[in-house]
Amino acid sequence: MDIASLSTALSSITTGNDIGVAMLSKQLDLMETQGDSMVKALEQSVSPHLGSNIDVLV
């Protein structure tokens, strides 16, 4: 391989890696947003009076 083709191949690999990292970063942001939404939904669905008393007599 000559220097020019090696340089082109390395540049292509670097660009592919940069695109992969950018996509993973966006996916992580999306998952964090979805997680926050799920936590908010679970917090709103909780009934604080349920489960506070346990009947231990049979």
N, C-alpha and C. Protein backbone atom coordinates (compact mmCIF):
# COMPACT_ATOMS: atom_id res chain seq x y z
N MET A 1 0.85 -1.19 0.00
CA MET A 1 0.00 0.00 0.00
C MET A 1 0.88 1.23 0.00
N ASP A 2 0.45 2.19 -0.72
CA ASP A 2 1.20 3.44 -0.70
C ASP A 2 0.62 4.37 0.36
N ILE A 3 1.30 5.44 0.59
CA ILE A 3 0.94 6.39 1.66
C ILE A 3 -0.44 7.01 1.39
N ALA A 4 -0.75 7.33 0.16
CA ALA A 4 -2.01 7.99 -0.17
C ALA A 4 -3.20 7.09 0.15
N SER A 5 -3.14 5.82 -0.25
CA SER A 5 -4.27 4.93 0.02
C SER A 5 -4.38 4.62 1.51
N LEU A 6 -3.26 4.53 2.19
CA LEU A 6 -3.28 4.31 3.63
C LEU A 6 -3.91 5.49 4.36
N SER A 7 -3.57 6.68 3.90
CA SER A 7 -4.13 7.89 4.50
C SER A 7 -5.63 7.96 4.27
N THR A 8 -6.07 7.60 3.07
CA THR A 8 -7.49 7.60 2.76
C THR A 8 -8.24 6.57 3.59
N ALA A 9 -7.67 5.40 3.74
CA ALA A 9 -8.31 4.35 4.54
C ALA A 9 -8.40 4.77 6.00
N LEU A 10 -7.35 5.35 6.53
CA LEU A 10 -7.35 5.81 7.92
C LEU A 10 -8.37 6.91 8.13
N SER A 11 -8.47 7.82 7.17
CA SER A 11 -9.45 8.90 7.27
C SER A 11 -10.87 8.34 7.24
N SER A 12 -11.09 7.35 6.41
CA SER A 12 -12.41 6.72 6.32
C SER A 12 -12.77 6.03 7.63
N ILE A 13 -11.81 5.34 8.21
CA ILE A 13 -12.05 4.66 9.49
C ILE A 13 -12.33 5.67 10.59
N THR A 14 -11.57 6.75 10.61
CA THR A 14 -11.76 7.79 11.63
C THR A 14 -13.13 8.43 11.49
N THR A 15 -13.55 8.70 10.25
CA THR A 15 -14.87 9.29 10.02
C THR A 15 -15.96 8.33 10.49
N GLY A 16 -15.81 7.06 10.17
CA GLY A 16 -16.78 6.07 10.62
C GLY A 16 -16.87 5.99 12.13
N ASN A 17 -15.72 6.05 12.78
CA ASN A 17 -15.72 6.02 14.25
C ASN A 17 -16.38 7.27 14.82
N ASP A 18 -16.12 8.42 14.23
CA ASP A 18 -16.74 9.66 14.70
C ASP A 18 -18.26 9.62 14.56
N ILE A 19 -18.72 9.06 13.45
CA ILE A 19 -20.16 8.94 13.24
C ILE A 19 -20.76 7.98 14.26
N GLY A 20 -20.08 6.87 14.52
CA GLY A 20 -20.57 5.91 15.50
C GLY A 20 -20.66 6.51 16.89
N VAL A 21 -19.65 7.28 17.28
CA VAL A 21 -19.67 7.92 18.60
C VAL A 21 -20.79 8.95 18.68
N ALA A 22 -21.00 9.70 17.62
CA ALA A 22 -22.07 10.70 17.62
C ALA A 22 -23.44 10.03 17.74
N MET A 23 -23.62 8.91 17.02
CA MET A 23 -24.90 8.20 17.10
C MET A 23 -25.12 7.62 18.50
N LEU A 24 -24.09 7.07 19.11
CA LEU A 24 -24.22 6.54 20.46
C LEU A 24 -24.52 7.64 21.47
N SER A 25 -23.94 8.81 21.27
CA SER A 25 -24.19 9.94 22.15
C SER A 25 -25.66 10.37 22.07
N LYS A 26 -26.17 10.43 20.85
CA LYS A 26 -27.59 10.79 20.66
C LYS A 26 -28.49 9.73 21.29
N GLN A 27 -28.14 8.47 21.13
CA GLN A 27 -28.93 7.39 21.71
C GLN A 27 -28.92 7.47 23.24
N LEU A 28 -27.77 7.78 23.81
CA LEU A 28 -27.68 7.92 25.26
C LEU A 28 -28.55 9.08 25.75
N ASP A 29 -28.53 10.19 25.04
CA ASP A 29 -29.38 11.32 25.41
C ASP A 29 -30.86 10.92 25.35
N LEU A 30 -31.23 10.18 24.31
CA LEU A 30 -32.61 9.75 24.16
C LEU A 30 -33.01 8.82 25.31
N MET A 31 -32.12 7.89 25.67
CA MET A 31 -32.42 6.96 26.75
C MET A 31 -32.54 7.68 28.09
N GLU A 32 -31.71 8.69 28.31
CA GLU A 32 -31.81 9.46 29.56
C GLU A 32 -33.14 10.20 29.61
N THR A 33 -33.57 10.76 28.49
CA THR A 33 -34.85 11.47 28.44
C THR A 33 -36.00 10.51 28.69
N GLN A 34 -35.95 9.33 28.06
CA GLN A 34 -37.01 8.35 28.27
C GLN A 34 -37.01 7.85 29.72
N GLY A 35 -35.85 7.69 30.31
CA GLY A 35 -35.76 7.27 31.70
C GLY A 35 -36.36 8.30 32.63
N ASP A 36 -36.05 9.57 32.38
CA ASP A 36 -36.62 10.64 33.19
C ASP A 36 -38.14 10.67 33.07
N SER A 37 -38.63 10.47 31.85
CA SER A 37 -40.08 10.45 31.64
C SER A 37 -40.72 9.28 32.37
N MET A 38 -40.05 8.14 32.36
CA MET A 38 -40.60 6.98 33.05
C MET A 38 -40.62 7.19 34.55
N VAL A 39 -39.59 7.79 35.10
CA VAL A 39 -39.55 8.07 36.54
C VAL A 39 -40.67 9.03 36.91
N LYS A 40 -40.88 10.07 36.10
CA LYS A 40 -41.96 11.02 36.38
C LYS A 40 -43.32 10.33 36.33
N ALA A 41 -43.51 9.45 35.35
CA ALA A 41 -44.78 8.74 35.24
C ALA A 41 -44.99 7.83 36.44
N LEU A 42 -43.94 7.16 36.89
CA LEU A 42 -44.07 6.29 38.05
C LEU A 42 -44.33 7.09 39.32
N GLU A 43 -43.70 8.26 39.43
CA GLU A 43 -43.93 9.10 40.62
C GLU A 43 -45.38 9.59 40.67
N GLN A 44 -45.96 9.87 39.52
CA GLN A 44 -47.34 10.35 39.48
C GLN A 44 -48.34 9.24 39.73
N SER A 45 -47.96 8.00 39.44
CA SER A 45 -48.91 6.90 39.60
C SER A 45 -48.89 6.31 41.01
N VAL A 46 -47.97 6.73 41.84
CA VAL A 46 -47.86 6.17 43.18
C VAL A 46 -48.96 6.74 44.07
N SER A 47 -49.61 5.86 44.80
CA SER A 47 -50.61 6.28 45.79
C SER A 47 -49.96 6.14 47.16
N PRO A 48 -49.67 7.24 47.84
CA PRO A 48 -48.93 7.17 49.09
C PRO A 48 -49.66 6.44 50.21
N HIS A 49 -50.99 6.38 50.16
CA HIS A 49 -51.73 5.72 51.23
C HIS A 49 -51.75 4.20 51.08
N LEU A 50 -51.43 3.67 49.91
CA LEU A 50 -51.44 2.23 49.70
C LEU A 50 -50.17 1.62 50.24
N GLY A 51 -50.31 0.54 50.96
CA GLY A 51 -49.14 -0.19 51.46
C GLY A 51 -48.60 0.33 52.76
N SER A 52 -49.19 1.36 53.33
CA SER A 52 -48.67 1.90 54.58
C SER A 52 -49.15 1.10 55.79
N ASN A 53 -50.26 0.38 55.64
CA ASN A 53 -50.79 -0.44 56.73
C ASN A 53 -50.82 -1.90 56.32
N ILE A 54 -50.40 -2.77 57.23
CA ILE A 54 -50.42 -4.20 56.97
C ILE A 54 -51.27 -4.86 58.06
N ASP A 55 -52.24 -5.64 57.64
CA ASP A 55 -53.11 -6.37 58.57
C ASP A 55 -52.43 -7.71 58.85
N VAL A 56 -51.94 -7.87 60.10
CA VAL A 56 -51.22 -9.09 60.44
C VAL A 56 -52.10 -10.09 61.19
N LEU A 57 -53.36 -9.76 61.47
CA LEU A 57 -54.26 -10.68 62.15
C LEU A 57 -55.02 -11.52 61.12
N VAL A 58 -55.18 -12.76 61.45
CA VAL A 58 -55.91 -13.66 60.53
C VAL A 58 -57.20 -14.07 61.16
